[in-house]
Amino acid sequence: MAKRSEKRNYLVLIGVAVLLMGILGLFVLNADTLYVSGKAVTSSTKSVIEKSPQKNVQCSISKNIPVGETITGNNKFDNIIGPDLLSYLNRFTINFGSKTIKARELIVSGQAINDFNDPNFVTVADSISSHDKNYENDVFLESTKDSLKYYYAFDTPILVSSATPENPLIIKFLGKFLKITGTSADGTAISAEYGNDRQMKVGETFSGIKLENVGNTGSIAVNVNGVSGTIAEGKTKLVGGINIFNWESFFHKNINNRKATLVIDAGEAKEFRDGDVYIGENENSPHWTWNIGGLQENTLTIPSAKSEFLGPYIGIENDIVYDDASDYPPTVGECLKFPRLYLKVCLDNVQKNAAKVTIKGKC
């Protein structure tokens, strides 16, 4: 009888242990508790942006372009290049209001958008094709105005004009943080915060800001010069005199694998209108200007290789013209550069009257 009682007690102890382990497991996996300077704090938010997972990212594509011809066309680059052709370009999933929005990055060359319906091309040129003797024996990349464009295109219907400071549309534009808090009535301008973002791992310090922990619902614990604070994902908080926006966070059961993307001092929203000089460009001679339209339309973006896109779009286009030697166009070993070198169109080499041109990302 004693042995049977001992066996029953043993089984009861095992059951209690299993139950406790299950409760502990649920706590570990589901609780979002961050410990900051010995104090426990909790929060719960949802993701703002999710970058679609990519494997074996293709950072560049190249084509051999006959000297004197445009870089787009048959057996050359497509007029519209997206993630399917260059996986460096991203697809995104955005949580905006109560909707899940799909979006992607596109680059375009050769759109016919001027008064004469002539395409705006990037061309591999020499002294004969360009009628410029100052080119001598060299080969260059010439570009007309608006011959290169970058678009943030929406693949799901979206009313961008419904963005407000309380319900902002947050996107990753040219790889950087852009928080849209309003639009103009005609859909050709945005009010937006634009800041420098930094991805950090737990324990890392940047500009006096230390990421102390990441919770599994998106909140982060930071310390700024000795002042601690907790910031929910998608929210901004003043900690230690610095405005910090918790853009994205990534939780892992191993604390060493947790990380977050912070935007530091994004500042107040500014208006950016179609045709305005792009951020960081020379006001008097910009290389790039904003290209914005259709934000008042509740629809998706309709791309076009022959005319301006329809529906809502946010982008930039080149404003500088390279059409003779006095413009110092890119030659062999040089590139047409997008802002922050996010993308480049490069003239690699020339062999037998054909030039190797490469479109490459910042990999």
Protein backbone atom coordinates (compact mmCIF):
# COMPACT_ATOMS: atom_id res chain seq x y z
CA MET A 1 0.00 0.00 0.00
CA ALA A 2 2.84 2.39 0.83
CA LYS A 3 4.45 1.86 -2.56
CA ARG A 4 1.14 2.53 -4.39
CA SER A 5 0.69 5.76 -2.34
CA GLU A 6 4.23 6.85 -3.13
CA LYS A 7 3.63 6.19 -6.83
CA ARG A 8 0.37 8.22 -6.73
CA ASN A 9 2.16 11.14 -5.01
CA TYR A 10 4.97 10.94 -7.55
CA LEU A 11 2.50 11.16 -10.46
CA VAL A 12 0.74 14.11 -8.82
CA LEU A 13 4.08 15.91 -8.48
CA ILE A 14 4.83 15.28 -12.17
CA GLY A 15 1.41 16.66 -13.15
CA VAL A 16 1.92 19.78 -11.05
CA ALA A 17 5.37 20.31 -12.58
CA VAL A 18 4.03 19.96 -16.12
CA LEU A 19 1.22 22.41 -15.33
CA LEU A 20 3.68 24.93 -13.90
CA MET A 21 5.96 24.56 -16.91
CA GLY A 22 3.00 25.20 -19.24
CA ILE A 23 1.98 28.30 -17.31
CA LEU A 24 5.56 29.53 -17.30
CA GLY A 25 5.84 28.85 -21.04
CA LEU A 26 2.72 30.85 -21.75
CA PHE A 27 4.06 33.69 -19.63
CA VAL A 28 7.40 33.70 -21.36
CA LEU A 29 5.91 33.58 -24.85
CA ASN A 30 2.98 35.92 -24.40
CA ALA A 31 3.88 38.48 -21.77
CA ASP A 32 5.37 41.70 -23.03
CA THR A 33 7.21 42.76 -19.91
CA LEU A 34 10.29 44.92 -20.19
CA TYR A 35 12.58 45.57 -17.26
CA VAL A 36 14.06 49.05 -17.17
CA SER A 37 16.30 49.95 -14.24
CA GLY A 38 14.63 47.24 -12.17
CA LYS A 39 11.05 48.32 -12.98
CA ALA A 40 8.61 46.22 -14.99
CA VAL A 41 6.56 47.96 -17.68
CA THR A 42 4.20 46.60 -20.32
CA SER A 43 2.67 47.77 -23.59
CA SER A 44 0.88 46.40 -26.65
CA THR A 45 0.83 47.70 -30.21
CA LYS A 46 0.81 46.24 -33.71
CA SER A 47 3.42 46.37 -36.43
CA VAL A 48 3.56 49.52 -38.54
CA ILE A 49 5.44 48.16 -41.54
CA GLU A 50 6.48 44.69 -42.50
CA LYS A 51 9.05 44.22 -45.23
CA SER A 52 8.26 41.12 -47.25
CA PRO A 53 10.93 38.48 -46.63
CA GLN A 54 13.52 38.07 -49.35
CA LYS A 55 16.18 35.45 -49.86
CA ASN A 56 19.26 35.80 -52.06
CA VAL A 57 18.58 39.47 -52.84
CA GLN A 58 19.61 40.42 -56.35
CA CYS A 59 21.46 43.72 -56.01
CA SER A 60 22.02 44.53 -59.68
CA ILE A 61 21.06 43.81 -63.27
CA SER A 62 23.17 44.53 -66.36
CA LYS A 63 22.56 44.91 -70.08
CA ASN A 64 24.78 45.48 -73.10
CA ILE A 65 23.53 48.65 -74.78
CA PRO A 66 24.70 49.64 -78.29
CA VAL A 67 26.43 53.02 -78.30
CA GLY A 68 24.02 55.70 -79.49
CA GLU A 69 20.91 53.92 -78.19
CA THR A 70 18.65 54.32 -75.16
CA ILE A 71 19.03 51.91 -72.24
CA THR A 72 15.38 50.75 -72.48
CA GLY A 73 13.68 48.77 -75.22
CA ASN A 74 13.90 45.37 -76.91
CA ASN A 75 16.74 43.26 -75.52
CA LYS A 76 17.53 46.12 -73.15
CA PHE A 77 16.14 47.22 -69.79
CA ASP A 78 12.38 47.20 -69.31
CA ASN A 79 10.83 50.66 -68.96
CA ILE A 80 9.46 49.63 -65.57
CA ILE A 81 11.64 47.65 -63.18
CA GLY A 82 10.22 46.28 -59.95
CA PRO A 83 11.01 43.57 -57.38
CA ASP A 84 10.36 40.80 -59.93
CA LEU A 85 13.30 41.99 -62.04
CA LEU A 86 15.49 43.45 -59.30
CA SER A 87 14.74 41.95 -55.90
CA TYR A 88 16.72 44.71 -54.16
CA LEU A 89 13.56 46.73 -54.73
CA ASN A 90 11.13 45.97 -51.95
CA ARG A 91 7.58 44.82 -51.48
CA PHE A 92 5.87 46.05 -48.33
CA THR A 93 2.87 45.27 -46.18
CA ILE A 94 1.52 48.37 -44.42
CA ASN A 95 -1.02 48.56 -41.61
CA PHE A 96 -2.92 51.79 -42.30
CA GLY A 97 -5.98 52.39 -40.19
CA SER A 98 -7.96 49.16 -40.27
CA LYS A 99 -6.61 48.03 -43.65
CA THR A 100 -3.62 46.00 -44.74
CA ILE A 101 -1.99 47.62 -47.77
CA LYS A 102 0.43 46.03 -50.22
CA ALA A 103 3.03 48.27 -51.85
CA ARG A 104 6.26 48.05 -53.86
CA GLU A 105 9.15 50.08 -55.20
CA LEU A 106 9.48 50.74 -58.94
CA ILE A 107 12.02 52.52 -61.12
CA VAL A 108 10.99 53.87 -64.52
CA SER A 109 12.82 55.21 -67.56
CA GLY A 110 11.52 56.32 -70.95
CA GLN A 111 8.09 57.68 -70.03
CA ALA A 112 6.52 59.92 -72.69
CA ILE A 113 5.22 62.80 -70.59
CA ASN A 114 6.20 66.05 -72.31
CA ASP A 115 4.01 68.25 -74.50
CA PHE A 116 5.13 66.45 -77.67
CA ASN A 117 4.63 62.97 -76.17
CA ASP A 118 8.33 62.26 -76.62
CA PRO A 119 9.90 59.72 -74.29
CA ASN A 120 12.49 60.92 -71.80
CA PHE A 121 15.42 58.56 -72.13
CA VAL A 122 18.78 57.69 -70.65
CA THR A 123 21.13 57.13 -73.60
CA VAL A 124 24.60 55.70 -74.13
CA ALA A 125 26.17 58.47 -76.21
CA ASP A 126 29.40 59.27 -78.02
CA SER A 127 30.54 62.23 -80.10
CA ILE A 128 28.73 60.95 -83.21
CA SER A 129 25.34 60.17 -81.66
CA SER A 130 25.37 63.30 -79.52
CA HIS A 131 26.84 65.58 -82.20
CA ASP A 132 29.30 66.85 -79.61
CA LYS A 133 32.93 66.81 -80.75
CA ASN A 134 34.03 67.56 -77.19
CA TYR A 135 33.15 64.00 -76.27
CA GLU A 136 36.17 63.03 -78.38
CA ASN A 137 36.60 59.25 -78.17
CA ASP A 138 34.80 58.76 -74.87
CA VAL A 139 31.34 57.32 -74.16
CA PHE A 140 28.86 58.82 -71.69
CA LEU A 141 25.43 58.37 -70.13
CA GLU A 142 23.15 61.17 -71.26
CA SER A 143 19.83 61.86 -69.58
CA THR A 144 16.91 64.15 -70.29
CA LYS A 145 14.79 65.65 -67.54
CA ASP A 146 12.44 63.09 -65.94
CA SER A 147 14.22 60.22 -67.67
CA LEU A 148 14.72 58.37 -64.38
CA LYS A 149 12.01 57.96 -61.78
CA TYR A 150 11.49 56.16 -58.49
CA TYR A 151 7.95 55.32 -57.36
CA TYR A 152 6.38 54.08 -54.18
CA ALA A 153 3.36 52.33 -55.71
CA PHE A 154 0.32 50.91 -53.93
CA ASP A 155 -0.98 47.51 -55.03
CA THR A 156 -4.02 47.75 -52.75
CA PRO A 157 -6.63 50.53 -52.93
CA ILE A 158 -5.75 53.25 -50.41
CA LEU A 159 -7.00 56.74 -49.62
CA VAL A 160 -3.72 58.43 -48.70
CA SER A 161 -5.57 61.71 -48.06
CA SER A 162 -7.15 60.13 -44.98
CA ALA A 163 -3.77 60.22 -43.21
CA THR A 164 -3.74 62.42 -40.10
CA PRO A 165 -1.32 63.03 -37.22
CA GLU A 166 -3.39 60.56 -35.18
CA ASN A 167 -3.57 58.03 -38.04
CA PRO A 168 -0.36 58.53 -40.05
CA LEU A 169 0.71 56.59 -43.10
CA ILE A 170 4.26 55.40 -42.46
CA ILE A 171 6.31 54.13 -45.39
CA LYS A 172 9.91 53.30 -46.16
CA PHE A 173 10.76 55.68 -48.98
CA LEU A 174 14.15 55.24 -50.65
CA GLY A 175 15.03 53.16 -47.61
CA LYS A 176 14.25 55.96 -45.14
CA PHE A 177 11.46 56.82 -42.71
CA LEU A 178 8.60 58.90 -44.10
CA LYS A 179 5.59 59.53 -41.84
CA ILE A 180 2.72 61.12 -43.77
CA THR A 181 0.29 63.06 -41.58
CA GLY A 182 -1.74 64.90 -44.22
CA THR A 183 -2.14 65.74 -47.92
CA SER A 184 -3.25 68.67 -50.05
CA ALA A 185 -6.82 68.79 -51.38
CA ASP A 186 -5.64 68.14 -54.94
CA GLY A 187 -3.59 65.10 -53.89
CA THR A 188 -0.23 66.49 -55.11
CA ALA A 189 1.42 67.28 -51.77
CA ILE A 190 2.11 65.57 -48.46
CA SER A 191 2.77 66.78 -44.95
CA ALA A 192 5.36 64.43 -43.57
CA GLU A 193 8.05 63.85 -41.02
CA TYR A 194 11.32 62.66 -42.45
CA GLY A 195 14.09 61.46 -40.15
CA ASN A 196 17.24 59.46 -39.83
CA ASP A 197 16.56 55.90 -38.80
CA ARG A 198 18.89 53.46 -37.15
CA GLN A 199 18.49 49.73 -36.62
CA MET A 200 19.89 48.68 -33.26
CA LYS A 201 20.35 45.44 -31.38
CA VAL A 202 19.56 45.12 -27.70
CA GLY A 203 22.54 46.48 -25.77
CA GLU A 204 23.72 48.73 -28.59
CA THR A 205 24.20 52.48 -28.05
CA PHE A 206 23.99 55.19 -30.71
CA SER A 207 24.22 58.96 -30.10
CA GLY A 208 23.65 58.42 -26.39
CA ILE A 209 20.59 56.21 -26.96
CA LYS A 210 20.80 52.64 -25.67
CA LEU A 211 18.30 49.97 -26.69
CA GLU A 212 17.78 48.00 -23.49
CA ASN A 213 15.08 45.52 -24.52
CA VAL A 214 12.35 44.64 -27.02
CA GLY A 215 8.97 43.20 -26.08
CA ASN A 216 7.07 40.64 -28.12
CA THR A 217 4.23 43.07 -28.93
CA GLY A 218 6.57 45.73 -30.28
CA SER A 219 7.37 47.99 -27.33
CA ILE A 220 10.98 48.91 -26.64
CA ALA A 221 12.90 50.01 -23.55
CA VAL A 222 15.53 52.69 -24.11
CA ASN A 223 17.95 54.67 -21.99
CA VAL A 224 19.05 58.14 -23.06
CA ASN A 225 21.98 59.47 -21.08
CA GLY A 226 20.71 57.79 -17.92
CA VAL A 227 16.99 58.50 -18.47
CA SER A 228 14.86 55.40 -19.10
CA GLY A 229 11.65 55.12 -21.07
CA THR A 230 9.35 52.66 -22.82
CA ILE A 231 7.97 53.37 -26.30
CA ALA A 232 5.17 51.45 -27.98
CA GLU A 233 5.71 50.45 -31.60
CA GLY A 234 4.52 53.15 -33.98
CA LYS A 235 4.72 55.83 -31.27
CA THR A 236 7.02 58.76 -30.51
CA LYS A 237 8.20 59.65 -27.02
CA LEU A 238 10.50 62.29 -25.56
CA VAL A 239 13.16 60.49 -23.53
CA GLY A 240 16.09 62.36 -22.06
CA GLY A 241 15.36 65.39 -24.22
CA ILE A 242 15.33 63.42 -27.52
CA ASN A 243 12.24 62.56 -29.56
CA ILE A 244 12.45 58.86 -30.42
CA PHE A 245 10.04 57.13 -32.79
CA ASN A 246 9.76 53.34 -32.47
CA TRP A 247 9.38 52.51 -36.14
CA GLU A 248 9.84 48.73 -36.22
CA SER A 249 10.83 46.16 -33.64
CA PHE A 250 11.73 42.49 -33.86
CA PHE A 251 11.22 40.21 -30.87
CA HIS A 252 13.05 36.91 -30.38
CA LYS A 253 13.06 34.60 -27.39
CA ASN A 254 16.84 35.06 -27.34
CA ILE A 255 17.47 38.61 -26.17
CA ASN A 256 20.66 38.79 -28.23
CA ASN A 257 18.57 38.49 -31.41
CA ARG A 258 16.13 41.28 -30.56
CA LYS A 259 16.40 44.54 -32.47
CA ALA A 260 14.48 47.68 -33.35
CA THR A 261 14.57 50.52 -35.87
CA LEU A 262 14.45 53.93 -34.21
CA VAL A 263 13.92 57.33 -35.81
CA ILE A 264 15.80 60.01 -33.93
CA ASP A 265 14.49 63.59 -33.83
CA ALA A 266 12.21 63.33 -36.86
CA GLY A 267 10.96 66.83 -36.05
CA GLU A 268 7.76 68.52 -37.12
CA ALA A 269 5.96 67.63 -40.35
CA LYS A 270 6.88 69.62 -43.47
CA GLU A 271 5.01 70.01 -46.75
CA PHE A 272 6.48 68.38 -49.85
CA ARG A 273 4.70 69.26 -53.09
CA ASP A 274 4.89 67.78 -56.59
CA GLY A 275 7.81 69.48 -58.33
CA ASP A 276 9.49 70.65 -55.11
CA VAL A 277 13.19 70.08 -54.61
CA TYR A 278 13.76 66.70 -52.97
CA ILE A 279 15.18 66.51 -49.44
CA GLY A 280 18.91 67.26 -49.28
CA GLU A 281 19.16 68.55 -52.86
CA ASN A 282 20.63 71.91 -53.88
CA GLU A 283 17.73 74.38 -53.99
CA ASN A 284 19.16 76.19 -57.02
CA SER A 285 20.25 73.21 -59.09
CA PRO A 286 18.57 70.05 -57.79
CA HIS A 287 19.27 66.66 -59.31
CA TRP A 288 15.97 65.28 -57.99
CA THR A 289 12.47 66.65 -57.38
CA TRP A 290 9.29 65.25 -55.86
CA ASN A 291 6.77 63.49 -58.13
CA ILE A 292 3.43 63.17 -56.31
CA GLY A 293 -0.14 62.68 -57.51
CA GLY A 294 -3.52 61.04 -57.06
CA LEU A 295 -3.43 60.95 -53.26
CA GLN A 296 -7.10 62.01 -53.06
CA GLU A 297 -8.17 58.93 -55.03
CA ASN A 298 -9.30 55.83 -53.17
CA THR A 299 -7.72 53.32 -55.53
CA LEU A 300 -4.47 51.53 -56.27
CA THR A 301 -1.53 52.72 -58.36
CA ILE A 302 -1.71 51.97 -62.08
CA PRO A 303 1.84 51.96 -63.52
CA SER A 304 2.54 53.03 -67.09
CA ALA A 305 5.67 52.97 -69.22
CA LYS A 306 4.30 55.56 -71.66
CA SER A 307 2.66 58.16 -69.42
CA GLU A 308 2.47 59.28 -65.81
CA PHE A 309 1.05 56.75 -63.36
CA LEU A 310 -2.65 56.83 -62.48
CA GLY A 311 -4.02 56.55 -58.96
CA PRO A 312 -2.03 57.45 -55.85
CA TYR A 313 1.77 57.55 -56.11
CA ILE A 314 4.70 59.13 -54.30
CA GLY A 315 8.05 59.37 -56.03
CA ILE A 316 10.95 61.40 -57.30
CA GLU A 317 12.31 62.20 -60.77
CA ASN A 318 15.62 63.48 -62.07
CA ASP A 319 15.71 67.21 -62.74
CA ILE A 320 19.24 67.52 -64.08
CA VAL A 321 20.01 67.22 -67.80
CA TYR A 322 23.17 65.64 -69.20
CA ASP A 323 23.26 66.22 -72.96
CA ASP A 324 26.71 67.58 -73.77
CA ALA A 325 30.27 67.65 -72.47
CA SER A 326 29.74 70.88 -70.53
CA ASP A 327 27.31 69.03 -68.24
CA TYR A 328 30.03 66.52 -67.26
CA PRO A 329 27.84 63.44 -67.80
CA PRO A 330 28.91 60.12 -66.27
CA THR A 331 31.50 58.24 -68.30
CA VAL A 332 33.01 54.75 -67.94
CA GLY A 333 33.25 53.83 -64.26
CA GLU A 334 30.71 56.49 -63.23
CA CYS A 335 26.97 56.49 -62.49
CA LEU A 336 23.72 58.40 -62.49
CA LYS A 337 22.93 58.40 -58.78
CA PHE A 338 19.65 58.40 -56.92
CA PRO A 339 19.54 60.22 -53.55
CA ARG A 340 21.63 58.67 -50.80
CA LEU A 341 23.04 56.29 -53.44
CA TYR A 342 19.93 54.14 -52.92
CA LEU A 343 20.15 53.20 -56.61
CA LYS A 344 22.67 53.86 -59.36
CA VAL A 345 22.71 53.51 -63.14
CA CYS A 346 26.34 52.88 -64.05
CA LEU A 347 28.40 52.79 -67.25
CA ASP A 348 30.73 49.88 -66.50
CA ASN A 349 32.72 49.48 -69.70
CA VAL A 350 32.59 49.70 -73.50
CA GLN A 351 33.57 46.91 -75.88
CA LYS A 352 32.93 46.66 -79.62
CA ASN A 353 30.54 49.61 -79.76
CA ALA A 354 28.41 48.28 -76.92
CA ALA A 355 28.38 49.49 -73.33
CA LYS A 356 27.71 47.40 -70.25
CA VAL A 357 25.19 49.35 -68.17
CA THR A 358 24.27 48.21 -64.66
CA ILE A 359 21.39 49.22 -62.43
CA LYS A 360 22.43 48.48 -58.89
CA GLY A 361 21.13 48.90 -55.37
CA LYS A 362 22.86 49.88 -52.17
CA CYS A 363 23.80 46.36 -51.08
